[in-house]
Protein backbone atom coordinates (compact mmCIF):
# COMPACT_ATOMS: atom_id res chain seq x y z
CA UNK A 1 17.37 9.09 -4.77
CA UNK A 2 18.60 9.27 -1.53
CA UNK A 3 16.65 9.03 1.72
CA UNK A 4 17.49 9.83 5.00
CA UNK A 5 15.19 9.02 8.55
CA UNK A 6 16.37 10.81 11.86
CA UNK A 7 15.67 9.86 15.36
CA UNK A 8 12.46 8.18 16.59
CA UNK A 9 10.49 7.70 19.79
CA UNK A 10 8.61 4.66 20.68
CA UNK A 11 6.36 3.98 23.52
CA UNK A 12 3.53 1.82 24.47
CA UNK A 13 1.11 2.54 26.92
CA UNK A 14 -0.60 -0.39 29.06
CA UNK A 15 -4.01 0.01 31.72
CA UNK A 16 -5.97 -2.71 33.38
CA UNK A 17 -8.16 -3.11 36.30
CA UNK A 18 -7.72 -4.06 39.90
CA UNK A 19 -7.63 -7.65 40.58
CA UNK A 20 -8.93 -9.47 43.49
CA UNK A 21 -6.52 -11.44 45.21
CA UNK A 22 -8.13 -14.38 44.38
CA UNK A 23 -7.33 -14.46 40.94
CA UNK A 24 -3.96 -14.55 39.32
CA UNK A 25 -2.07 -11.62 37.60
CA UNK A 26 -1.32 -13.36 34.29
CA UNK A 27 -5.37 -14.41 33.55
CA UNK A 28 -6.25 -10.49 33.45
CA UNK A 29 -5.49 -9.61 29.78
CA UNK A 30 -4.08 -6.14 29.19
CA UNK A 31 -5.35 -3.26 26.92
CA UNK A 32 -2.58 -1.85 25.38
CA UNK A 33 -2.21 1.19 22.82
CA UNK A 34 1.67 0.94 21.26
CA UNK A 35 2.50 4.54 19.57
CA UNK A 36 5.39 5.12 17.20
CA UNK A 37 6.28 8.99 16.43
CA UNK A 38 9.53 9.19 13.56
CA UNK A 39 10.24 12.69 12.53
CA UNK A 40 11.95 12.24 8.66
CA UNK A 41 14.33 14.06 6.48
CA UNK A 42 14.53 12.86 2.70
CA UNK A 43 15.42 14.16 -0.83
CA UNK A 44 14.47 12.82 -4.14
CA UNK A 45 14.51 14.37 -7.91
CA UNK A 46 10.30 14.65 -7.42
CA UNK A 47 10.37 17.10 -4.36
CA UNK A 48 14.18 18.46 -3.42
CA UNK A 49 14.30 18.16 0.27
CA UNK A 50 11.35 16.84 2.49
CA UNK A 51 10.50 17.42 6.09
CA UNK A 52 8.23 14.65 7.32
CA UNK A 53 6.65 13.01 10.25
CA UNK A 54 5.44 9.14 10.36
CA UNK A 55 3.23 7.71 12.79
CA UNK A 56 2.36 4.22 13.88
CA UNK A 57 -0.93 3.71 16.46
CA UNK A 58 -0.86 -0.06 17.23
CA UNK A 59 -3.79 -1.34 19.71
CA UNK A 60 -6.21 -4.39 20.56
CA UNK A 61 -10.02 -3.38 20.61
CA UNK A 62 -11.69 -4.94 23.47
CA UNK A 63 -9.97 -7.21 26.14
CA UNK A 64 -9.24 -11.15 26.53
CA UNK A 65 -10.35 -12.60 23.50
CA UNK A 66 -7.59 -14.30 21.19
CA UNK A 67 -9.71 -13.94 18.12
CA UNK A 68 -9.15 -10.27 18.18
CA UNK A 69 -6.43 -9.50 15.68
CA UNK A 70 -4.77 -6.09 16.23
CA UNK A 71 -5.56 -2.97 14.10
CA UNK A 72 -3.47 0.26 13.55
CA UNK A 73 -3.82 3.04 12.61
CA UNK A 74 -1.22 4.99 10.35
CA UNK A 75 -0.01 8.84 9.25
CA UNK A 76 2.37 10.11 6.82
CA UNK A 77 2.83 14.08 6.60
CA UNK A 78 5.68 15.29 4.73
CA UNK A 79 6.16 18.97 3.24
CA UNK A 80 8.37 19.39 0.46
CA UNK A 81 11.00 22.15 -1.19
CA UNK A 82 8.85 22.19 -3.96
CA UNK A 83 6.06 23.27 -1.46
CA UNK A 84 4.33 19.60 -2.31
CA UNK A 85 2.00 18.11 0.64
CA UNK A 86 1.65 14.17 1.49
CA UNK A 87 -0.74 13.15 4.07
CA UNK A 88 -1.71 9.53 4.43
CA UNK A 89 -3.13 7.98 6.77
CA UNK A 90 -3.53 4.01 6.08
CA UNK A 91 -5.46 2.00 9.12
CA UNK A 92 -6.96 -1.36 9.47
CA UNK A 93 -9.30 -1.93 12.91
CA UNK A 94 -10.80 -5.21 13.59
CA UNK A 95 -13.57 -5.34 16.18
CA UNK A 96 -13.65 -8.06 18.94
CA UNK A 97 -13.25 -11.26 17.97
CA UNK A 98 -12.64 -9.86 14.58
CA UNK A 99 -15.82 -10.55 13.09
CA UNK A 100 -15.84 -6.88 11.64
CA UNK A 101 -13.18 -5.63 9.47
CA UNK A 102 -12.42 -2.28 8.54
CA UNK A 103 -9.61 -1.31 6.67
CA UNK A 104 -8.39 1.97 3.81
CA UNK A 105 -6.64 4.80 3.20
CA UNK A 106 -7.39 8.53 3.43
CA UNK A 107 -5.03 10.91 1.89
CA UNK A 108 -4.43 14.12 0.21
CA UNK A 109 -1.61 14.82 -2.43
CA UNK A 110 -0.63 18.09 -3.81
CA UNK A 111 1.69 16.51 -5.91
CA UNK A 112 4.37 15.85 -9.09
CA UNK A 113 3.48 13.44 -11.09
CA UNK A 114 4.73 11.51 -14.40
CA UNK A 115 3.01 10.64 -17.03
CA UNK A 116 4.95 8.42 -19.67
CA UNK A 117 1.96 7.42 -21.64
CA UNK A 118 -0.58 4.40 -21.91
CA UNK A 119 1.17 1.05 -22.84
CA UNK A 120 4.65 -0.18 -22.87
CA UNK A 121 6.70 2.24 -24.31
CA UNK A 122 10.08 1.44 -24.30
CA UNK A 123 11.56 5.41 -24.66
CA UNK A 124 11.75 6.47 -21.08
CA UNK A 125 10.24 10.16 -22.04
CA UNK A 126 7.75 11.21 -19.95
CA UNK A 127 5.77 14.81 -19.10
CA UNK A 128 5.61 16.28 -15.38
CA UNK A 129 1.63 17.31 -14.82
CA UNK A 130 0.53 18.91 -10.83
CA UNK A 131 -2.05 17.74 -9.10
CA UNK A 132 -4.16 17.89 -6.01
CA UNK A 133 -5.49 14.56 -5.42
CA UNK A 134 -8.07 13.85 -2.65
CA UNK A 135 -8.67 9.81 -1.76
CA UNK A 136 -10.81 7.20 -0.12
CA UNK A 137 -10.29 3.91 0.18
CA UNK A 138 -12.76 1.88 2.59
CA UNK A 139 -13.36 -1.77 2.62
CA UNK A 140 -15.86 -2.86 5.52
CA UNK A 141 -16.09 -6.56 5.86
CA UNK A 142 -17.67 -9.46 8.46
CA UNK A 143 -16.08 -12.76 9.25
CA UNK A 144 -18.30 -15.20 7.38
CA UNK A 145 -15.77 -18.24 8.33
CA UNK A 146 -12.45 -19.20 10.14
CA UNK A 147 -10.37 -17.30 8.15
CA UNK A 148 -13.09 -15.99 5.20
CA UNK A 149 -14.66 -12.10 5.15
CA UNK A 150 -17.19 -11.02 3.02
CA UNK A 151 -18.25 -6.69 2.51
CA UNK A 152 -18.13 -3.55 0.34
CA UNK A 153 -15.68 -1.44 -0.92
CA UNK A 154 -15.72 1.77 -2.27
CA UNK A 155 -13.16 3.76 -4.16
CA UNK A 156 -13.28 7.63 -4.63
CA UNK A 157 -10.35 9.75 -6.04
CA UNK A 158 -10.92 13.67 -6.74
CA UNK A 159 -8.13 15.10 -9.29
CA UNK A 160 -7.18 18.94 -9.31
CA UNK A 161 -5.09 19.47 -12.25
CA UNK A 162 -2.56 22.72 -11.68
CA UNK A 163 0.46 22.68 -14.21
CA UNK A 164 0.50 20.61 -17.23
CA UNK A 165 3.82 20.68 -20.06
CA UNK A 166 3.41 22.65 -22.48
CA UNK A 167 3.12 20.80 -25.93
CA UNK A 168 2.77 17.23 -24.23
CA UNK A 169 -0.04 14.83 -24.56
CA UNK A 170 -2.28 15.72 -21.55
CA UNK A 171 -2.73 19.51 -21.88
CA UNK A 172 -5.34 19.24 -24.98
CA UNK A 173 -7.56 16.83 -22.47
CA UNK A 174 -7.01 14.00 -25.74
CA UNK A 175 -6.31 11.63 -22.79
CA UNK A 176 -9.14 10.88 -21.01
CA UNK A 177 -8.97 11.79 -17.59
CA UNK A 178 -6.56 15.03 -18.04
CA UNK A 179 -9.60 17.05 -16.90
CA UNK A 180 -10.84 18.00 -13.47
CA UNK A 181 -12.96 15.30 -12.11
CA UNK A 182 -13.70 12.51 -9.66
CA UNK A 183 -14.06 8.88 -9.72
CA UNK A 184 -16.25 7.33 -7.21
CA UNK A 185 -16.73 3.75 -7.26
CA UNK A 186 -18.58 0.67 -4.99
CA UNK A 187 -18.54 -3.16 -5.38
CA UNK A 188 -17.57 -6.56 -3.48
CA UNK A 189 -14.41 -7.17 -1.67
CA UNK A 190 -13.29 -11.02 0.08
CA UNK A 191 -10.63 -12.21 1.99
CA UNK A 192 -9.20 -14.76 2.96
CA UNK A 193 -6.55 -14.66 5.38
CA UNK A 194 -5.00 -17.36 7.63
CA UNK A 195 -1.18 -15.49 8.56
CA UNK A 196 -0.43 -16.14 12.18
CA UNK A 197 0.43 -12.05 11.70
CA UNK A 198 -1.41 -9.10 9.82
CA UNK A 199 2.71 -6.87 10.31
CA UNK A 200 4.93 -9.47 9.83
CA UNK A 201 4.04 -12.77 9.09
CA UNK A 202 6.18 -16.02 9.37
CA UNK A 203 3.21 -18.82 7.95
CA UNK A 204 -0.06 -18.34 6.12
CA UNK A 205 -2.11 -17.02 3.08
CA UNK A 206 -3.71 -13.77 2.65
CA UNK A 207 -5.87 -13.39 -0.38
CA UNK A 208 -8.04 -10.23 -1.51
CA UNK A 209 -10.67 -10.22 -4.49
CA UNK A 210 -12.23 -6.63 -5.28
CA UNK A 211 -14.88 -6.25 -8.17
CA UNK A 212 -16.07 -2.62 -7.99
CA UNK A 213 -18.12 -0.47 -10.66
CA UNK A 214 -17.94 3.12 -11.39
CA UNK A 215 -20.82 5.43 -12.27
CA UNK A 216 -22.40 8.53 -12.74
CA UNK A 217 -25.06 7.59 -10.54
CA UNK A 218 -22.38 7.46 -7.57
CA UNK A 219 -20.77 11.08 -8.47
CA UNK A 220 -18.69 9.60 -11.03
CA UNK A 221 -17.28 11.11 -14.09
CA UNK A 222 -16.47 8.17 -15.59
CA UNK A 223 -17.75 5.28 -15.70
CA UNK A 224 -15.94 1.87 -15.81
CA UNK A 225 -15.18 -1.80 -13.50
CA UNK A 226 -12.48 -3.04 -12.39
CA UNK A 227 -11.20 -6.62 -11.15
CA UNK A 228 -8.46 -6.91 -8.47
CA UNK A 229 -6.78 -10.44 -7.55
CA UNK A 230 -4.26 -10.67 -4.98
CA UNK A 231 -2.68 -13.85 -3.29
CA UNK A 232 0.56 -14.06 -1.14
CA UNK A 233 1.47 -17.33 0.32
CA UNK A 234 4.21 -17.09 3.67
CA UNK A 235 6.59 -20.09 4.27
CA UNK A 236 9.13 -20.61 7.05
CA UNK A 237 11.72 -22.15 5.55
CA UNK A 238 13.92 -22.56 8.94
CA UNK A 239 13.77 -20.52 12.00
CA UNK A 240 15.53 -17.87 11.04
CA UNK A 241 14.50 -17.28 7.59
CA UNK A 242 10.93 -16.59 5.64
CA UNK A 243 9.85 -16.47 2.22
CA UNK A 244 6.71 -14.69 0.97
CA UNK A 245 5.53 -14.62 -2.38
CA UNK A 246 3.10 -12.48 -4.04
CA UNK A 247 0.93 -12.58 -7.52
CA UNK A 248 -1.22 -9.68 -8.57
CA UNK A 249 -4.00 -9.44 -11.53
CA UNK A 250 -5.80 -6.53 -12.20
CA UNK A 251 -8.06 -5.56 -14.92
CA UNK A 252 -9.73 -2.80 -16.24
CA UNK A 253 -12.74 -1.95 -18.61
CA UNK A 254 -14.90 0.70 -19.98
CA UNK A 255 -13.91 4.52 -19.90
CA UNK A 256 -11.17 4.34 -17.69
CA UNK A 257 -9.51 7.62 -16.91
CA UNK A 258 -5.73 7.01 -17.12
CA UNK A 259 -4.77 7.50 -13.66
CA UNK A 260 -7.01 4.75 -12.76
CA UNK A 261 -5.43 1.95 -15.46
CA UNK A 262 -3.91 -0.79 -13.19
CA UNK A 263 0.33 -0.15 -13.20
CA UNK A 264 3.83 -1.09 -11.96
CA UNK A 265 5.28 0.97 -9.48
CA UNK A 266 5.65 2.11 -5.86
CA UNK A 267 5.68 -0.03 -2.65
CA UNK A 268 3.43 -2.72 -3.55
CA UNK A 269 3.71 -3.25 -7.11
CA UNK A 270 7.39 -4.15 -8.18
CA UNK A 271 9.78 -1.81 -5.89
CA UNK A 272 12.11 0.05 -8.55
CA UNK A 273 9.89 1.67 -11.01
CA UNK A 274 8.28 5.03 -10.72
CA UNK A 275 4.48 5.57 -9.90
CA UNK A 276 3.31 4.98 -13.27
CA UNK A 277 6.24 4.27 -15.36
CA UNK A 278 3.76 1.74 -17.26
CA UNK A 279 -0.19 1.28 -17.18
CA UNK A 280 -2.77 0.16 -19.47
CA UNK A 281 -5.66 -1.85 -19.25
CA UNK A 282 -4.49 -4.58 -17.30
CA UNK A 283 -1.55 -5.63 -15.21
CA UNK A 284 -0.27 -9.29 -14.52
CA UNK A 285 3.00 -9.53 -11.57
CA UNK A 286 4.56 -12.32 -9.47
CA UNK A 287 7.29 -11.05 -7.03
CA UNK A 288 8.92 -12.86 -4.22
CA UNK A 289 11.09 -12.00 -0.70
CA UNK A 290 13.39 -13.78 1.53
CA UNK A 291 12.93 -11.82 5.04
CA UNK A 292 15.54 -12.67 7.89
CA UNK A 293 17.21 -11.40 11.40
CA UNK A 294 20.44 -9.33 11.45
CA UNK A 295 21.10 -8.10 15.33
CA UNK A 296 18.27 -7.00 17.94
CA UNK A 297 15.55 -5.48 16.34
CA UNK A 298 17.57 -4.78 12.63
CA UNK A 299 15.91 -7.44 9.75
CA UNK A 300 16.89 -7.67 6.22
CA UNK A 301 15.06 -8.51 2.84
CA UNK A 302 16.55 -9.47 -0.64
CA UNK A 303 13.25 -9.60 -2.86
CA UNK A 304 12.47 -9.77 -6.59
CA UNK A 305 9.95 -10.40 -9.49
CA UNK A 306 8.65 -9.41 -12.73
CA UNK A 307 5.28 -8.00 -14.03
CA UNK A 308 3.38 -6.38 -17.33
CA UNK A 309 1.02 -3.86 -18.42
CA UNK A 310 -0.88 -5.16 -21.24
CA UNK A 311 -4.14 -4.67 -23.61
CA UNK A 312 -6.05 -7.21 -24.04
CA UNK A 313 -6.92 -6.53 -27.43
CA UNK A 314 -3.25 -7.07 -28.37
CA UNK A 315 -1.23 -9.77 -28.85
CA UNK A 316 0.81 -9.99 -26.01
CA UNK A 317 5.25 -9.47 -26.22
CA UNK A 318 8.17 -10.40 -24.15
CA UNK A 319 9.20 -7.59 -24.19
CA UNK A 320 6.68 -6.47 -21.97
CA UNK A 321 8.00 -8.19 -19.16
CA UNK A 322 9.39 -5.77 -16.69
CA UNK A 323 11.84 -7.13 -13.82
CA UNK A 324 12.84 -5.62 -10.47
CA UNK A 325 15.36 -6.66 -7.67
CA UNK A 326 16.12 -5.13 -4.55
CA UNK A 327 16.94 -5.31 -1.05
CA UNK A 328 15.85 -3.65 2.29
CA UNK A 329 16.05 -3.59 5.74
CA UNK A 330 13.46 -3.78 8.73
CA UNK A 331 13.16 -2.18 12.26
CA UNK A 332 11.32 -4.04 15.22
CA UNK A 333 9.44 -0.44 15.97
CA UNK A 334 6.43 -2.05 18.32
CA UNK A 335 7.27 -5.35 19.01
CA UNK A 336 3.95 -6.59 21.06
CA UNK A 337 2.66 -6.12 17.32
CA UNK A 338 5.19 -6.95 15.18
CA UNK A 339 5.48 -3.84 13.44
CA UNK A 340 8.32 -3.11 11.04
CA UNK A 341 9.53 0.56 9.72
CA UNK A 342 10.54 -0.93 6.34
CA UNK A 343 13.57 0.59 4.13
CA UNK A 344 14.22 -0.76 0.94
CA UNK A 345 16.03 -0.22 -2.55
CA UNK A 346 14.99 -1.44 -5.43
CA UNK A 347 15.98 -1.58 -9.14
CA UNK A 348 13.90 -1.84 -12.35
CA UNK A 349 14.01 -1.09 -16.11
CA UNK A 350 16.17 1.93 -16.40
CA UNK A 351 14.43 3.58 -13.13
CA UNK A 352 15.20 2.96 -8.91
CA UNK A 353 13.49 3.79 -5.99
CA UNK A 354 13.78 4.19 -2.12
CA UNK A 355 10.94 3.38 -0.42
CA UNK A 356 10.14 4.21 3.19
CA UNK A 357 6.82 2.43 5.12
CA UNK A 358 5.17 0.85 8.09
CA UNK A 359 3.91 -2.31 6.86
CA UNK A 360 5.63 -5.06 4.29
CA UNK A 361 5.50 -4.35 1.04
CA UNK A 362 2.78 -7.74 0.83
């Protein structure tokens, strides 16, 4: 997989009210909205040549309160040679004083996906399937302590399948979730966040705990429960060296469609694996990353980890463990937000991948 990103523009807009002569300039906070637009050209075996646009908006809601964390809304739009469409909008919005925290993502993906089966198949055999995916992820949290947030989580996915491989496992409908349908789930979300910066922290702890139930009463075609636990610890080993360690546990039970099973892959869960290369009822992983500056606005990272998917009703085997390793570059796109554009190359078990995104993997 090869990726080429071309050109970018960044602007910061500031506004401030008129200041009386008796009031010092430094005592008046400024409102700032930082905008970044970056056209990209990339090539992957899945998409062939693709043309897109990445947009990043960073801002602070309200003025004068040092407890208010910085918010961001990102947008990615790509059109591919294979007539695919990728539209993705992740966001994090903090109210004044960070008393409320709204985060999640909206997306539409007309894409070619890979299905390698369920479990720990060693073979690299797969089947392609085409689908339109509409996605909503929404967390509405209230601050209940110095670093504690509690609230509701809602998830929605709707799949319209447009093509299956002839003679494959999915076409006959025997795999749960291989027919058009929706997942709609509601539950609780609890976060602990003591990071000094949510985009590129130098120290702190960030944990996520999410418990959701999908049910027909919510408009879901499937009934199941999922528990997601994640913890990331960041240390400053030196003024120019940061270590981040992340662990994730994801458990599901019930009538889980195959596309909602915990998996390895993507930029968040072991870079170097294709989305869904390994998937099953449970997933566990641990990964670490060293971050250090290079020159000007550029930084670099090296990373590695190990993870596994498994069925709790079957004996766990050491052969289920999947390692990854890789390296990447960071470009400081929005200085006052400490927000970076990231480019990573990861290697996994019989696979590799290139990842471009606006935030850190963890």
